[in-house]
Amino acid sequence: MATLADEIAHVLHAHGVSRIFGIPGGGSSLDIIDAAAKADIPFTLTRTEAAGTIMAAVTGELTGAPGAVLVGVGPGASSATNGLAYASLERSPMVLFVDGPASTMHQHFDQQALFAPITRGTARLWPDDGASVLDRLLTTSTTAPEGPVMVELTAGDAMTDATAFLPTPSDAAGMPAKEDLDKAKAMIAASERPFVIVGLEARQHGETVRSFADALGAAVMTTYKAGGVYPANGAGFVGTITGATGEMPILAQADLIIGVGFDPIEFIPGKWPGDFPPFLQVGEGSPANPRVQFELELTGPLADILGQLRDSTADSGWAASGLKDLCAIVDRIYTPESSAFTTAAAIDTLAATLEHGTRVCVDAGAHMFSTIGKWPAIKPFGILKSNGLSTMGYALPAAIASSLADPATPVIAVTGDGGISMCVGELATAKELGLDITVIVMNDSALSLIDIKQQRQQRPSLGVRYPAQDFAAIGESYGWVTARAHGPDELKHALAVRGPKLIDVRIDPAGYGDDMTRLRG
């Protein structure tokens, strides 16, 4: 008989797991690494559990198969919670393996209780049924609404002969009721100015979504997670959307809003205007929505539903001039008044220099507004961003995962000085793996987004500013090719260098407050 670790590797292989990330403990981690290697599933050692978990989550999003990460008992487990929270809020299929539970009070706490609120399921794996339990959990992880699962096992159990798993049949999602489909078709047919909001569930259905929106003659905005699903050069593209005050005049001009794969976690908190047009939601999950009230919700296989609705062509009133007016509102939101070298100016340089098929991984922070608002993504997963959780320390781990899972797609990480500081050790991980990644550090020596809020509240400047750091020098210490850029010409020259590189971009943060005002009021 095979051991439980061997059966775990068989289950992972059957579910299409391509790699395991993490930092091993001295228990079952080592058994899983060995067994996975025999199943042609390599292990990547990261510098922190949080970064490794983000890499696993992003791998799950890009591949559709579960990402995988393993950590040690106690502190290893607790350090992985940020990545699991990301995966939970943003529908990333993945599995976390944790050593343990601890057999004494040393490093002991209830690890399953820790992860229960932020997973789709947890379990301890035992030799008699552990493989089958893991198989069922991975099926849950990849079924809408997708999300992470967590399992723990001891070294003793991992090396014990185990019962082979029986694959769990996957239940195909059913179509909505015919009367609901007919009502949706009628809503679309009656619309003159349909407006499509493309969300995270639509990332695996780019061609179908584009065909649907174009058939309706709809105006289209994409959430941060859905950048590129409807391309920035598409006929109906207006811009990105966050549910902010500055975007409401755009939506107010529609007579029907259609959410395609939209999840309310993608919008910032706020009250949805009561006099807005009806909202037709089409998705694979059924997200609870405290903000947006759906007139009608269709839940099921997204591509099949859109195929049913595609021929309900609206008599669209979005003339070219109307779309231009909507785009002008977006342009005003993301065009700074300052002539200084801002994040907006830096992203304009990137857009003028790089292929628009480049994948951009964006950290949370004030720089994210201009980065996502101005980057012209043209392919699904063109932008990777922690949106629901909005965690810092995301962009570099996400870029590493992207480069491993999809090496044919060029990738850059756009981060701030705070975000890169939270995961700077992963520069060594990327270097060791030989990955061709460009890291852009928007360096302004502050937690600028919080700094803005502090200034708005007329508080003294406390706790939001950093001493100036030379990230080019830090990058050099990790063996990276680096440069410093104080303006567009220096940035363009640095981007022309072939291969992996880190560019320390010295920007003027003075306009960030105005940026937020134009977007969020």
Protein backbone atom coordinates (compact mmCIF):
# COMPACT_ATOMS: atom_id res chain seq x y z
CA MET A 1 0.00 0.00 0.00
CA ALA A 2 1.02 3.62 -0.57
CA THR A 3 1.47 5.97 2.36
CA LEU A 4 -0.91 8.82 3.09
CA ALA A 5 1.70 11.26 1.73
CA ASP A 6 1.83 9.26 -1.53
CA GLU A 7 -1.96 9.27 -1.79
CA ILE A 8 -2.00 13.03 -1.15
CA ALA A 9 0.38 13.47 -4.08
CA HIS A 10 -1.90 11.31 -6.26
CA VAL A 11 -4.89 13.49 -5.34
CA LEU A 12 -2.98 16.68 -6.11
CA HIS A 13 -1.89 15.30 -9.48
CA ALA A 14 -5.45 14.26 -10.31
CA HIS A 15 -6.67 17.80 -9.62
CA GLY A 16 -4.01 19.39 -11.84
CA VAL A 17 -1.87 20.89 -9.08
CA SER A 18 1.35 22.02 -10.76
CA ARG A 19 3.51 23.25 -7.87
CA ILE A 20 3.63 23.57 -4.08
CA PHE A 21 4.91 26.74 -2.39
CA GLY A 22 5.81 27.42 1.19
CA ILE A 23 8.19 26.97 4.10
CA PRO A 24 8.27 23.41 5.49
CA GLY A 25 8.09 22.47 9.12
CA GLY A 26 9.80 19.40 10.46
CA GLY A 27 6.73 17.20 10.38
CA SER A 28 4.46 16.12 7.52
CA SER A 29 5.77 18.92 5.27
CA LEU A 30 8.87 16.92 4.39
CA ASP A 31 6.83 13.81 3.58
CA ILE A 32 4.53 15.77 1.27
CA ILE A 33 7.48 17.42 -0.50
CA ASP A 34 9.09 14.03 -1.18
CA ALA A 35 5.87 12.37 -2.33
CA ALA A 36 4.93 15.32 -4.55
CA ALA A 37 8.35 15.27 -6.20
CA LYS A 38 7.77 11.64 -7.21
CA ALA A 39 4.49 12.78 -8.80
CA ASP A 40 6.32 15.53 -10.77
CA ILE A 41 4.96 18.31 -8.57
CA PRO A 42 7.91 20.56 -7.66
CA PHE A 43 8.28 22.50 -4.42
CA THR A 44 9.23 26.19 -4.31
CA LEU A 45 10.74 27.49 -1.07
CA THR A 46 9.60 31.04 -0.31
CA ARG A 47 10.89 33.53 2.24
CA THR A 48 7.61 34.01 4.11
CA GLU A 49 4.48 31.94 4.55
CA ALA A 50 2.30 34.92 3.64
CA ALA A 51 4.04 35.37 0.29
CA GLY A 52 3.98 31.63 -0.42
CA THR A 53 0.25 31.50 0.25
CA ILE A 54 -0.38 34.44 -2.09
CA MET A 55 1.66 32.67 -4.76
CA ALA A 56 -0.49 29.54 -4.34
CA ALA A 57 -3.70 31.58 -4.50
CA VAL A 58 -2.66 33.42 -7.66
CA THR A 59 -1.57 30.13 -9.25
CA GLY A 60 -5.06 28.79 -8.57
CA GLU A 61 -6.66 31.82 -10.21
CA LEU A 62 -4.48 31.65 -13.33
CA THR A 63 -4.68 27.89 -13.89
CA GLY A 64 -8.14 27.05 -12.57
CA ALA A 65 -6.59 24.12 -10.70
CA PRO A 66 -5.97 24.39 -6.96
CA GLY A 67 -2.83 26.21 -5.88
CA ALA A 68 -0.96 24.53 -3.04
CA VAL A 69 1.14 25.73 -0.11
CA LEU A 70 2.53 24.02 2.98
CA VAL A 71 3.66 25.45 6.29
CA GLY A 72 4.82 24.29 9.69
CA VAL A 73 2.78 23.90 12.83
CA GLY A 74 1.96 26.95 15.00
CA PRO A 75 3.78 30.06 13.75
CA GLY A 76 3.91 28.73 10.21
CA ALA A 77 0.15 28.30 10.21
CA SER A 78 -0.60 31.67 11.78
CA SER A 79 1.71 33.41 9.31
CA ALA A 80 -0.32 32.04 6.39
CA THR A 81 -3.61 33.66 7.44
CA ASN A 82 -3.17 36.79 5.29
CA GLY A 83 -2.85 34.75 2.11
CA LEU A 84 -5.82 32.56 3.08
CA ALA A 85 -7.93 35.66 3.75
CA TYR A 86 -7.02 36.92 0.28
CA ALA A 87 -8.00 33.60 -1.29
CA SER A 88 -11.26 33.49 0.65
CA LEU A 89 -12.45 36.97 -0.26
CA GLU A 90 -11.26 36.81 -3.86
CA ARG A 91 -12.27 33.28 -4.84
CA SER A 92 -8.89 31.66 -5.31
CA PRO A 93 -8.94 27.84 -5.47
CA MET A 94 -6.11 26.54 -3.28
CA VAL A 95 -5.17 24.19 -0.47
CA LEU A 96 -3.05 24.89 2.62
CA PHE A 97 -1.22 21.96 4.22
CA VAL A 98 -0.30 22.49 7.87
CA ASP A 99 1.91 20.28 10.04
CA GLY A 100 0.26 19.05 13.17
CA PRO A 101 -1.69 19.43 15.26
CA ALA A 102 0.93 19.84 17.95
CA SER A 103 1.04 16.94 20.41
CA THR A 104 1.98 19.12 23.41
CA MET A 105 1.12 22.62 24.58
CA HIS A 106 4.26 23.87 22.81
CA GLN A 107 3.06 25.64 19.60
CA HIS A 108 -0.44 24.32 20.23
CA PHE A 109 -3.65 26.05 19.26
CA ASP A 110 -6.73 24.96 17.33
CA GLN A 111 -5.46 25.44 13.78
CA GLN A 112 -8.70 24.38 12.11
CA ALA A 113 -10.65 26.87 14.22
CA LEU A 114 -8.22 29.58 13.11
CA PHE A 115 -8.89 28.93 9.42
CA ALA A 116 -12.55 27.91 9.53
CA PRO A 117 -13.92 31.47 8.98
CA ILE A 118 -11.71 32.07 5.91
CA THR A 119 -11.90 28.73 4.10
CA ARG A 120 -14.45 26.61 2.25
CA GLY A 121 -13.56 23.71 4.53
CA THR A 122 -10.95 22.29 6.91
CA ALA A 123 -10.02 18.76 8.00
CA ARG A 124 -7.44 16.61 9.70
CA LEU A 125 -6.24 13.89 7.36
CA TRP A 126 -6.06 10.31 8.64
CA PRO A 127 -4.66 7.29 6.78
CA ASP A 128 -8.00 5.48 6.43
CA ASP A 129 -9.86 8.23 4.56
CA GLY A 130 -7.50 11.23 4.28
CA ALA A 131 -7.02 10.98 0.51
CA SER A 132 -10.76 10.91 -0.14
CA VAL A 133 -11.35 13.79 2.27
CA LEU A 134 -8.70 15.87 0.47
CA ASP A 135 -10.24 14.98 -2.90
CA ARG A 136 -13.65 16.24 -1.78
CA LEU A 137 -12.16 19.43 -0.36
CA LEU A 138 -10.29 20.19 -3.59
CA THR A 139 -13.52 19.68 -5.54
CA THR A 140 -15.18 22.19 -3.22
CA SER A 141 -12.27 24.59 -3.68
CA THR A 142 -12.70 24.67 -7.46
CA THR A 143 -16.50 24.83 -7.48
CA ALA A 144 -18.14 28.27 -7.58
CA PRO A 145 -17.81 30.20 -5.41
CA GLU A 146 -14.19 29.03 -5.41
CA GLY A 147 -11.98 29.46 -2.38
CA PRO A 148 -9.29 27.97 -0.16
CA VAL A 149 -9.36 24.80 1.93
CA MET A 150 -7.03 23.80 4.75
CA VAL A 151 -5.87 20.40 6.00
CA GLU A 152 -3.49 19.30 8.75
CA LEU A 153 -1.72 16.01 9.34
CA THR A 154 1.12 14.66 11.43
CA ALA A 155 4.34 13.12 10.20
CA GLY A 156 3.34 9.78 11.71
CA ASP A 157 0.08 9.70 9.76
CA ALA A 158 1.77 10.92 6.58
CA MET A 159 4.09 7.88 6.57
CA THR A 160 1.39 5.33 7.44
CA ASP A 161 -0.09 3.06 4.78
CA ALA A 162 -3.31 4.65 3.54
CA THR A 163 -6.51 3.82 1.73
CA ALA A 164 -6.53 4.91 -1.90
CA PHE A 165 -8.91 7.70 -2.78
CA LEU A 166 -11.99 7.41 -4.96
CA PRO A 167 -12.45 10.50 -7.16
CA THR A 168 -15.33 12.73 -6.14
CA PRO A 169 -17.81 13.31 -8.98
CA SER A 170 -18.22 16.97 -9.76
CA ASP A 171 -21.79 18.20 -9.97
CA ALA A 172 -22.32 20.45 -12.98
CA ALA A 173 -24.15 23.67 -12.17
CA GLY A 174 -27.66 23.79 -13.58
CA MET A 175 -29.12 26.54 -15.74
CA PRO A 176 -31.52 29.10 -14.27
CA ALA A 177 -35.25 28.57 -14.58
CA LYS A 178 -36.71 29.31 -18.01
CA GLU A 179 -38.98 32.03 -16.64
CA ASP A 180 -35.96 33.84 -15.19
CA LEU A 181 -34.08 33.58 -18.48
CA ASP A 182 -37.12 34.92 -20.31
CA LYS A 183 -37.42 37.83 -17.88
CA ALA A 184 -33.72 38.66 -18.36
CA LYS A 185 -34.13 38.57 -22.14
CA ALA A 186 -37.06 40.96 -21.88
CA MET A 187 -35.06 43.35 -19.69
CA ILE A 188 -32.25 43.40 -22.24
CA ALA A 189 -34.58 43.76 -25.22
CA ALA A 190 -36.24 46.79 -23.60
CA SER A 191 -32.93 48.49 -22.84
CA GLU A 192 -31.61 51.33 -24.96
CA ARG A 193 -28.47 52.02 -22.95
CA PRO A 194 -27.27 48.70 -21.48
CA PHE A 195 -24.22 48.89 -19.27
CA VAL A 196 -22.10 45.81 -18.48
CA ILE A 197 -19.92 45.54 -15.37
CA VAL A 198 -17.44 42.69 -15.86
CA GLY A 199 -16.23 41.05 -12.63
CA LEU A 200 -13.79 38.44 -11.40
CA GLU A 201 -15.84 35.36 -12.31
CA ALA A 202 -15.64 36.34 -15.98
CA ARG A 203 -11.86 35.96 -16.21
CA GLN A 204 -12.06 32.44 -17.64
CA HIS A 205 -14.63 33.51 -20.26
CA GLY A 206 -13.05 36.46 -22.06
CA GLU A 207 -14.16 35.68 -25.61
CA THR A 208 -17.74 34.91 -24.53
CA VAL A 209 -17.98 38.10 -22.47
CA ARG A 210 -16.65 40.26 -25.29
CA SER A 211 -19.06 38.69 -27.79
CA PHE A 212 -22.01 39.20 -25.44
CA ALA A 213 -21.23 42.85 -24.68
CA ASP A 214 -20.58 43.72 -28.32
CA ALA A 215 -23.79 42.01 -29.47
CA LEU A 216 -25.73 44.23 -27.04
CA GLY A 217 -23.87 47.35 -28.08
CA ALA A 218 -23.22 47.85 -24.39
CA ALA A 219 -20.94 50.27 -22.62
CA VAL A 220 -18.50 48.22 -20.55
CA MET A 221 -16.48 48.77 -17.38
CA THR A 222 -14.29 46.15 -15.73
CA THR A 223 -13.58 45.74 -12.05
CA TYR A 224 -9.98 45.75 -10.86
CA LYS A 225 -9.90 41.94 -10.89
CA ALA A 226 -11.40 41.72 -14.38
CA GLY A 227 -9.00 44.05 -16.16
CA GLY A 228 -8.53 42.89 -19.74
CA VAL A 229 -11.49 40.48 -19.87
CA TYR A 230 -13.12 43.11 -22.05
CA PRO A 231 -10.08 44.73 -23.67
CA ALA A 232 -9.20 48.39 -23.26
CA ASN A 233 -9.24 48.71 -27.05
CA GLY A 234 -12.73 47.19 -27.34
CA ALA A 235 -15.49 49.19 -29.00
CA GLY A 236 -17.57 49.59 -25.83
CA PHE A 237 -14.81 49.97 -23.24
CA VAL A 238 -15.22 52.90 -20.85
CA GLY A 239 -12.76 52.16 -18.04
CA THR A 240 -12.35 50.44 -14.70
CA ILE A 241 -14.93 50.63 -11.94
CA THR A 242 -14.81 50.43 -8.15
CA GLY A 243 -18.26 51.71 -7.19
CA ALA A 244 -16.83 55.07 -6.19
CA THR A 245 -18.61 58.43 -6.16
CA GLY A 246 -16.76 59.72 -9.21
CA GLU A 247 -18.08 56.84 -11.31
CA MET A 248 -21.76 57.24 -10.41
CA PRO A 249 -22.48 59.83 -13.17
CA ILE A 250 -21.45 57.16 -15.68
CA LEU A 251 -23.80 54.49 -14.36
CA ALA A 252 -26.62 57.01 -13.99
CA GLN A 253 -26.77 57.36 -17.79
CA ALA A 254 -27.60 53.66 -18.29
CA ASP A 255 -31.11 52.23 -18.26
CA LEU A 256 -29.98 48.67 -17.40
CA ILE A 257 -26.89 47.49 -15.55
CA ILE A 258 -25.75 43.92 -16.20
CA GLY A 259 -23.23 42.40 -13.82
CA VAL A 260 -21.28 39.64 -15.57
CA GLY A 261 -19.35 37.56 -13.04
CA PHE A 262 -19.49 40.50 -10.65
CA ASP A 263 -18.99 39.98 -6.92
CA PRO A 264 -19.90 42.76 -4.46
CA ILE A 265 -16.53 42.30 -2.73
CA GLU A 266 -15.08 44.09 -5.76
CA PHE A 267 -16.77 47.41 -4.87
CA ILE A 268 -15.70 49.72 -2.10
CA PRO A 269 -18.23 50.14 0.73
CA GLY A 270 -20.95 52.68 0.23
CA LYS A 271 -24.65 53.17 -0.37
CA TRP A 272 -25.93 52.26 -3.83
CA PRO A 273 -28.16 55.08 -5.17
CA GLY A 274 -31.81 54.12 -4.82
CA ASP A 275 -32.83 55.76 -8.10
CA PHE A 276 -30.34 53.82 -10.23
CA PRO A 277 -31.45 51.62 -13.13
CA PRO A 278 -32.29 47.95 -12.50
CA PHE A 279 -29.36 45.57 -11.98
CA LEU A 280 -29.37 42.20 -13.74
CA GLN A 281 -26.77 39.87 -12.20
CA VAL A 282 -25.32 36.92 -14.13
CA GLY A 283 -22.82 34.75 -12.26
CA GLU A 284 -21.66 31.32 -11.21
CA GLY A 285 -21.72 31.89 -7.47
CA SER A 286 -24.50 33.58 -5.59
CA PRO A 287 -22.79 36.32 -3.60
CA ALA A 288 -24.55 38.00 -0.71
CA ASN A 289 -24.76 41.67 -1.57
CA PRO A 290 -25.34 44.23 1.16
CA ARG A 291 -24.80 47.11 -1.23
CA VAL A 292 -26.26 46.46 -4.67
CA GLN A 293 -29.82 45.19 -4.87
CA PHE A 294 -30.29 42.90 -7.86
CA GLU A 295 -33.54 43.18 -9.79
CA LEU A 296 -32.90 39.68 -11.10
CA GLU A 297 -30.11 37.18 -10.46
CA LEU A 298 -29.20 34.35 -12.83
CA THR A 299 -26.87 31.76 -11.33
CA GLY A 300 -25.27 28.93 -13.29
CA PRO A 301 -22.62 28.27 -15.95
CA LEU A 302 -21.64 31.78 -17.04
CA ALA A 303 -20.78 31.05 -20.66
CA ASP A 304 -24.02 29.10 -21.22
CA ILE A 305 -26.17 31.82 -19.69
CA LEU A 306 -24.51 34.55 -21.76
CA GLY A 307 -25.05 32.41 -24.84
CA GLN A 308 -28.76 32.26 -24.05
CA LEU A 309 -28.95 36.03 -23.53
CA ARG A 310 -26.69 37.08 -26.41
CA ASP A 311 -29.46 37.21 -29.01
CA SER A 312 -31.64 39.47 -26.85
CA THR A 313 -30.04 42.38 -28.66
CA ALA A 314 -30.87 45.71 -27.14
CA ASP A 315 -31.78 48.66 -29.34
CA SER A 316 -28.71 50.40 -28.05
CA GLY A 317 -28.70 54.15 -27.73
CA TRP A 318 -24.99 54.39 -27.02
CA ALA A 319 -23.95 56.42 -30.01
CA ALA A 320 -20.24 57.06 -30.42
CA SER A 321 -20.69 60.49 -28.89
CA GLY A 322 -22.36 58.99 -25.82
CA LEU A 323 -19.51 56.57 -25.22
CA LYS A 324 -17.01 59.39 -25.66
CA ASP A 325 -18.82 61.35 -22.94
CA LEU A 326 -18.55 58.38 -20.58
CA CYS A 327 -14.86 57.90 -21.38
CA ALA A 328 -14.27 61.60 -20.76
CA ILE A 329 -15.53 61.21 -17.19
CA VAL A 330 -13.02 58.39 -16.63
CA ASP A 331 -10.24 60.47 -18.19
CA ARG A 332 -10.98 63.32 -15.79
CA ILE A 333 -10.83 60.94 -12.83
CA TYR A 334 -7.38 59.61 -13.70
CA THR A 335 -5.73 62.72 -15.19
CA PRO A 336 -3.80 64.64 -12.53
CA GLU A 337 -3.59 68.40 -12.63
CA SER A 338 0.03 68.40 -11.53
CA SER A 339 2.85 68.49 -14.08
CA ALA A 340 5.17 66.74 -11.62
CA PHE A 341 6.41 63.17 -12.10
CA THR A 342 3.50 61.29 -10.56
CA THR A 343 2.40 57.67 -10.62
CA ALA A 344 0.04 58.62 -13.45
CA ALA A 345 2.95 59.94 -15.50
CA ALA A 346 4.95 56.79 -14.75
CA ILE A 347 2.11 54.52 -15.87
CA ASP A 348 1.68 56.58 -19.04
CA THR A 349 5.35 55.85 -19.73
CA LEU A 350 4.83 52.13 -19.12
CA ALA A 351 1.81 52.11 -21.44
CA ALA A 352 3.78 53.89 -24.16
CA THR A 353 6.77 51.54 -23.80
CA LEU A 354 5.53 48.03 -22.97
CA GLU A 355 3.33 45.58 -24.85
CA HIS A 356 -0.25 45.90 -23.66
CA GLY A 357 -0.42 42.14 -23.32
CA THR A 358 1.94 42.48 -20.37
CA ARG A 359 0.40 41.34 -17.09
CA VAL A 360 0.52 44.02 -14.37
CA CYS A 361 0.48 42.92 -10.70
CA VAL A 362 -0.54 45.83 -8.48
CA ASP A 363 -0.11 46.33 -4.76
CA ALA A 364 -2.59 48.14 -2.54
CA GLY A 365 -1.80 51.79 -1.95
CA ALA A 366 -2.38 55.21 -3.43
CA HIS A 367 -0.45 54.26 -6.56
CA MET A 368 -3.10 51.63 -7.46
CA PHE A 369 -5.65 54.20 -8.65
CA SER A 370 -3.58 55.53 -11.53
CA THR A 371 -1.96 52.17 -12.26
CA ILE A 372 -5.22 50.31 -12.84
CA GLY A 373 -7.11 53.31 -14.20
CA LYS A 374 -4.51 54.02 -16.87
CA TRP A 375 -3.03 50.62 -17.78
CA PRO A 376 -4.65 49.43 -21.07
CA ALA A 377 -5.13 45.72 -20.31
CA ILE A 378 -6.22 43.72 -23.36
CA LYS A 379 -6.31 40.10 -22.13
CA PRO A 380 -8.04 38.31 -19.23
CA PHE A 381 -5.87 38.37 -16.11
CA GLY A 382 -4.17 41.42 -17.61
CA ILE A 383 -4.25 42.92 -14.12
CA LEU A 384 -3.68 41.01 -10.88
CA LYS A 385 -4.71 42.89 -7.77
CA SER A 386 -5.77 42.14 -4.23
CA ASN A 387 -9.12 43.87 -4.37
CA GLY A 388 -11.45 42.30 -1.82
CA LEU A 389 -8.77 42.10 0.88
CA SER A 390 -6.60 44.91 -0.54
CA THR A 391 -3.47 43.58 1.10
CA MET A 392 -0.07 45.11 0.65
CA GLY A 393 2.88 42.84 -0.04
CA TYR A 394 0.95 41.27 -2.93
CA ALA A 395 2.44 42.45 -6.22
CA LEU A 396 5.83 40.71 -6.11
CA PRO A 397 4.51 37.28 -4.95
CA ALA A 398 1.75 37.54 -7.57
CA ALA A 399 4.30 38.30 -10.28
CA ILE A 400 6.39 35.28 -9.20
CA ALA A 401 3.34 33.02 -9.41
CA SER A 402 2.43 34.46 -12.80
CA SER A 403 5.91 33.92 -14.21
CA LEU A 404 5.90 30.29 -13.06
CA ALA A 405 2.36 29.45 -14.16
CA ASP A 406 2.37 31.42 -17.42
CA PRO A 407 5.97 32.12 -18.50
CA ALA A 408 4.91 33.19 -22.00
CA THR A 409 3.15 36.29 -20.65
CA PRO A 410 5.49 39.15 -19.66
CA VAL A 411 4.81 40.40 -16.16
CA ILE A 412 5.60 43.48 -14.08
CA ALA A 413 4.97 44.17 -10.40
CA VAL A 414 3.92 47.71 -9.51
CA THR A 415 4.33 48.25 -5.80
CA GLY A 416 4.97 50.99 -3.29
CA ASP A 417 7.78 51.36 -0.80
CA GLY A 418 5.52 49.96 1.92
CA GLY A 419 4.37 46.99 -0.14
CA ILE A 420 7.83 45.90 -1.27
CA SER A 421 9.14 46.21 2.29
CA MET A 422 6.61 43.56 3.39
CA CYS A 423 7.95 40.93 0.98
CA VAL A 424 11.40 42.13 -0.03
CA GLY A 425 12.96 38.73 0.67
CA GLU A 426 11.00 37.31 -2.27
CA LEU A 427 13.43 39.16 -4.54
CA ALA A 428 15.78 36.32 -3.65
CA THR A 429 13.11 33.75 -4.52
CA ALA A 430 12.58 35.26 -7.98
CA LYS A 431 16.34 35.49 -8.55
CA GLU A 432 16.91 31.86 -7.61
CA LEU A 433 14.13 30.75 -9.95
CA GLY A 434 15.58 32.78 -12.82
CA LEU A 435 12.29 34.57 -13.47
CA ASP A 436 12.04 37.45 -15.93
CA ILE A 437 10.10 39.96 -13.83
CA THR A 438 10.21 43.75 -13.82
CA VAL A 439 9.56 45.32 -10.41
CA ILE A 440 8.48 48.96 -10.32
CA VAL A 441 8.71 50.54 -6.86
CA MET A 442 6.74 53.78 -6.59
CA ASN A 443 8.96 55.31 -3.95
CA ASP A 444 7.56 58.23 -1.99
CA SER A 445 8.62 57.29 1.57
CA ALA A 446 5.09 57.08 2.93
CA LEU A 447 1.99 54.97 3.41
CA SER A 448 0.42 57.43 1.00
CA LEU A 449 -3.16 56.17 1.02
CA ILE A 450 -3.32 56.37 4.82
CA ASP A 451 -1.37 59.63 4.74
CA ILE A 452 -4.11 61.13 2.56
CA LYS A 453 -6.83 60.04 4.98
CA GLN A 454 -4.84 61.45 7.87
CA GLN A 455 -4.51 64.80 6.10
CA ARG A 456 -8.22 64.86 5.27
CA GLN A 457 -9.02 64.44 8.94
CA GLN A 458 -6.61 67.29 9.73
CA ARG A 459 -4.56 65.12 12.03
CA PRO A 460 -0.85 65.63 12.68
CA SER A 461 1.47 63.59 10.48
CA LEU A 462 2.19 60.62 12.74
CA GLY A 463 2.83 56.99 11.89
CA VAL A 464 2.56 57.18 8.09
CA ARG A 465 5.98 58.36 6.87
CA TYR A 466 9.14 56.30 6.29
CA PRO A 467 12.76 57.39 6.17
CA ALA A 468 13.90 57.48 2.54
CA GLN A 469 15.08 54.07 1.31
CA ASP A 470 17.17 53.26 -1.73
CA PHE A 471 15.37 50.26 -3.20
CA ALA A 472 17.74 50.14 -6.14
CA ALA A 473 20.56 49.46 -3.70
CA ILE A 474 18.44 46.86 -1.90
CA GLY A 475 17.70 45.19 -5.22
CA GLU A 476 21.40 45.12 -6.09
CA SER A 477 22.12 43.30 -2.85
CA TYR A 478 19.81 40.52 -4.06
CA GLY A 479 21.61 40.34 -7.39
CA TRP A 480 19.05 42.25 -9.45
CA VAL A 481 19.80 44.69 -12.25
CA THR A 482 18.46 47.99 -10.92
CA ALA A 483 17.93 51.60 -11.89
CA ARG A 484 16.58 54.82 -10.42
CA ALA A 485 14.10 56.91 -12.35
CA HIS A 486 13.22 60.52 -11.55
CA GLY A 487 11.25 61.18 -14.73
CA PRO A 488 9.77 59.63 -17.88
CA ASP A 489 13.02 59.56 -19.86
CA GLU A 490 14.96 57.74 -17.13
CA LEU A 491 12.07 55.30 -16.66
CA LYS A 492 11.84 54.59 -20.39
CA HIS A 493 15.59 53.98 -20.54
CA ALA A 494 15.44 51.61 -17.56
CA LEU A 495 12.55 49.65 -19.10
CA ALA A 496 14.60 49.07 -22.24
CA VAL A 497 17.07 46.90 -20.30
CA ARG A 498 16.37 43.26 -21.12
CA GLY A 499 15.76 40.67 -18.43
CA PRO A 500 14.68 40.90 -14.77
CA LYS A 501 15.11 44.29 -13.18
CA LEU A 502 14.00 46.52 -10.32
CA ILE A 503 13.34 50.19 -11.01
CA ASP A 504 13.22 52.57 -8.06
CA VAL A 505 10.81 55.25 -9.34
CA ARG A 506 11.01 58.47 -7.34
CA ILE A 507 7.57 60.03 -7.64
CA ASP A 508 5.91 63.15 -6.32
CA PRO A 509 3.03 62.09 -4.02
CA ALA A 510 1.57 65.58 -3.71
CA GLY A 511 -1.27 64.86 -6.13
CA TYR A 512 -2.52 61.70 -4.46
CA GLY A 513 -5.10 63.59 -2.42
CA ASP A 514 -6.60 65.10 -5.55
CA ASP A 515 -6.57 61.67 -7.20
CA MET A 516 -8.70 60.27 -4.40
CA THR A 517 -11.04 63.25 -4.44
CA ARG A 518 -11.75 62.84 -8.16
CA LEU A 519 -12.45 59.14 -7.70
CA ARG A 520 -14.08 58.82 -4.30
CA GLY A 521 -15.23 62.35 -3.53
